[in-house]
Amino acid sequence: MKRIETLIRRTNFAKFCHCAEKLGIFGFALAENTKTILKADFVVGDQEVKDTVHAMLEEASPEGIAVFKLDPHPPIVRP
């Protein structure tokens, strides 16, 4: 699994949502990065990364996009 982080201008957010829906991405975390830029994070399977990134670049016009490997065994934090 990979986490994809995109930086999107507010004016392109509708494009991002439309592209995400076409790709079957119905859940993503959204945060305000600056007054004009939003950050959207979502997870896809390893085999879907290339097509997802390509579609996002073509259709959503992000300001930036990054792919991160998810750790299958995250550390256990105990109080």
C-alpha atoms as a PDB file:
ATOM      1  CA  MET A   1       0.000   0.000   0.000  1.00  0.00           C
ATOM      2  CA  LYS A   2       1.106   3.551  -0.740  1.00  0.00           C
ATOM      3  CA  ARG A   3      -0.025   6.904   0.629  1.00  0.00           C
ATOM      4  CA  ILE A   4      -0.369   9.606  -1.987  1.00  0.00           C
ATOM      5  CA  GLU A   5      -0.193  13.231  -0.906  1.00  0.00           C
ATOM      6  CA  THR A   6      -1.358  15.909  -3.312  1.00  0.00           C
ATOM      7  CA  LEU A   7      -1.180  19.690  -3.049  1.00  0.00           C
ATOM      8  CA  ILE A   8      -4.131  21.255  -4.820  1.00  0.00           C
ATOM      9  CA  ARG A   9      -5.135  24.842  -5.439  1.00  0.00           C
ATOM     10  CA  ARG A  10      -8.582  25.569  -4.020  1.00  0.00           C
ATOM     11  CA  THR A  11      -9.668  26.506  -7.546  1.00  0.00           C
ATOM     12  CA  ASN A  12      -8.825  22.953  -8.732  1.00  0.00           C
ATOM     13  CA  PHE A  13     -10.478  21.114  -5.842  1.00  0.00           C
ATOM     14  CA  ALA A  14     -13.559  20.202  -7.909  1.00  0.00           C
ATOM     15  CA  LYS A  15     -11.249  18.694 -10.562  1.00  0.00           C
ATOM     16  CA  PHE A  16      -9.502  16.674  -7.836  1.00  0.00           C
ATOM     17  CA  CYS A  17     -12.818  15.367  -6.473  1.00  0.00           C
ATOM     18  CA  HIS A  18     -14.024  14.414  -9.946  1.00  0.00           C
ATOM     19  CA  CYS A  19     -10.752  12.607 -10.709  1.00  0.00           C
ATOM     20  CA  ALA A  20     -10.760  10.833  -7.337  1.00  0.00           C
ATOM     21  CA  GLU A  21     -14.330   9.641  -7.906  1.00  0.00           C
ATOM     22  CA  LYS A  22     -13.422   8.298 -11.361  1.00  0.00           C
ATOM     23  CA  LEU A  23     -10.513   6.415  -9.760  1.00  0.00           C
ATOM     24  CA  GLY A  24     -12.745   4.957  -7.045  1.00  0.00           C
ATOM     25  CA  ILE A  25     -11.196   7.036  -4.259  1.00  0.00           C
ATOM     26  CA  PHE A  26     -14.073   8.027  -2.006  1.00  0.00           C
ATOM     27  CA  GLY A  27     -12.136   8.758   1.168  1.00  0.00           C
ATOM     28  CA  PHE A  28      -9.255  11.135   1.665  1.00  0.00           C
ATOM     29  CA  ALA A  29      -7.873  13.340   4.402  1.00  0.00           C
ATOM     30  CA  LEU A  30      -8.034  17.030   3.597  1.00  0.00           C
ATOM     31  CA  ALA A  31      -6.036  19.772   5.316  1.00  0.00           C
ATOM     32  CA  GLU A  32      -5.394  23.419   4.633  1.00  0.00           C
ATOM     33  CA  ASN A  33      -1.756  23.911   3.690  1.00  0.00           C
ATOM     34  CA  THR A  34      -1.956  27.640   2.919  1.00  0.00           C
ATOM     35  CA  LYS A  35      -4.797  30.026   2.124  1.00  0.00           C
ATOM     36  CA  THR A  36      -4.792  28.905  -1.499  1.00  0.00           C
ATOM     37  CA  ILE A  37      -3.454  25.327  -1.279  1.00  0.00           C
ATOM     38  CA  LEU A  38      -5.130  22.227   0.147  1.00  0.00           C
ATOM     39  CA  LYS A  39      -3.383  18.961   0.984  1.00  0.00           C
ATOM     40  CA  ALA A  40      -5.241  15.740   0.251  1.00  0.00           C
ATOM     41  CA  ASP A  41      -3.944  12.331   1.381  1.00  0.00           C
ATOM     42  CA  PHE A  42      -5.293   8.946   0.342  1.00  0.00           C
ATOM     43  CA  VAL A  43      -4.133   5.346   0.131  1.00  0.00           C
ATOM     44  CA  VAL A  44      -3.986   3.080  -2.914  1.00  0.00           C
ATOM     45  CA  GLY A  45      -2.676  -0.400  -3.599  1.00  0.00           C
ATOM     46  CA  ASP A  46       0.835  -0.851  -4.942  1.00  0.00           C
ATOM     47  CA  GLN A  47      -0.414  -1.871  -8.390  1.00  0.00           C
ATOM     48  CA  GLU A  48      -2.607   1.254  -8.669  1.00  0.00           C
ATOM     49  CA  VAL A  49       0.037   3.884  -7.905  1.00  0.00           C
ATOM     50  CA  LYS A  50       1.318   4.588 -11.414  1.00  0.00           C
ATOM     51  CA  ASP A  51      -2.130   4.946 -12.994  1.00  0.00           C
ATOM     52  CA  THR A  52      -3.433   7.004 -10.059  1.00  0.00           C
ATOM     53  CA  VAL A  53      -0.528   9.454 -10.117  1.00  0.00           C
ATOM     54  CA  HIS A  54      -0.755   9.787 -13.894  1.00  0.00           C
ATOM     55  CA  ALA A  55      -4.512  10.476 -13.769  1.00  0.00           C
ATOM     56  CA  MET A  56      -4.113  13.013 -10.962  1.00  0.00           C
ATOM     57  CA  LEU A  57      -1.374  14.856 -12.860  1.00  0.00           C
ATOM     58  CA  GLU A  58      -3.425  14.923 -16.058  1.00  0.00           C
ATOM     59  CA  GLU A  59      -6.858  15.748 -14.646  1.00  0.00           C
ATOM     60  CA  ALA A  60      -6.491  17.460 -11.257  1.00  0.00           C
ATOM     61  CA  SER A  61      -3.496  19.718 -12.030  1.00  0.00           C
ATOM     62  CA  PRO A  62      -1.922  19.416  -8.566  1.00  0.00           C
ATOM     63  CA  GLU A  63       0.791  21.794  -7.417  1.00  0.00           C
ATOM     64  CA  GLY A  64       2.680  18.789  -6.083  1.00  0.00           C
ATOM     65  CA  ILE A  65       2.298  15.072  -5.596  1.00  0.00           C
ATOM     66  CA  ALA A  66       4.274  12.615  -3.479  1.00  0.00           C
ATOM     67  CA  VAL A  67       4.102   8.874  -2.901  1.00  0.00           C
ATOM     68  CA  PHE A  68       5.023   7.290   0.422  1.00  0.00           C
ATOM     69  CA  LYS A  69       5.426   3.637   1.311  1.00  0.00           C
ATOM     70  CA  LEU A  70       3.209   2.564   4.185  1.00  0.00           C
ATOM     71  CA  ASP A  71       4.926   0.581   6.907  1.00  0.00           C
ATOM     72  CA  PRO A  72       3.072  -2.772   7.166  1.00  0.00           C
ATOM     73  CA  HIS A  73       4.174  -3.093  10.801  1.00  0.00           C
ATOM     74  CA  PRO A  74       3.985   0.326  12.458  1.00  0.00           C
ATOM     75  CA  PRO A  75       5.681   0.640  15.844  1.00  0.00           C
ATOM     76  CA  ILE A  76       3.559   0.086  18.934  1.00  0.00           C
ATOM     77  CA  VAL A  77       3.548   3.098  21.200  1.00  0.00           C
ATOM     78  CA  ARG A  78       2.781   2.416  24.828  1.00  0.00           C
ATOM     79  CA  PRO A  79       2.199   5.052  27.482  1.00  0.00           C
END
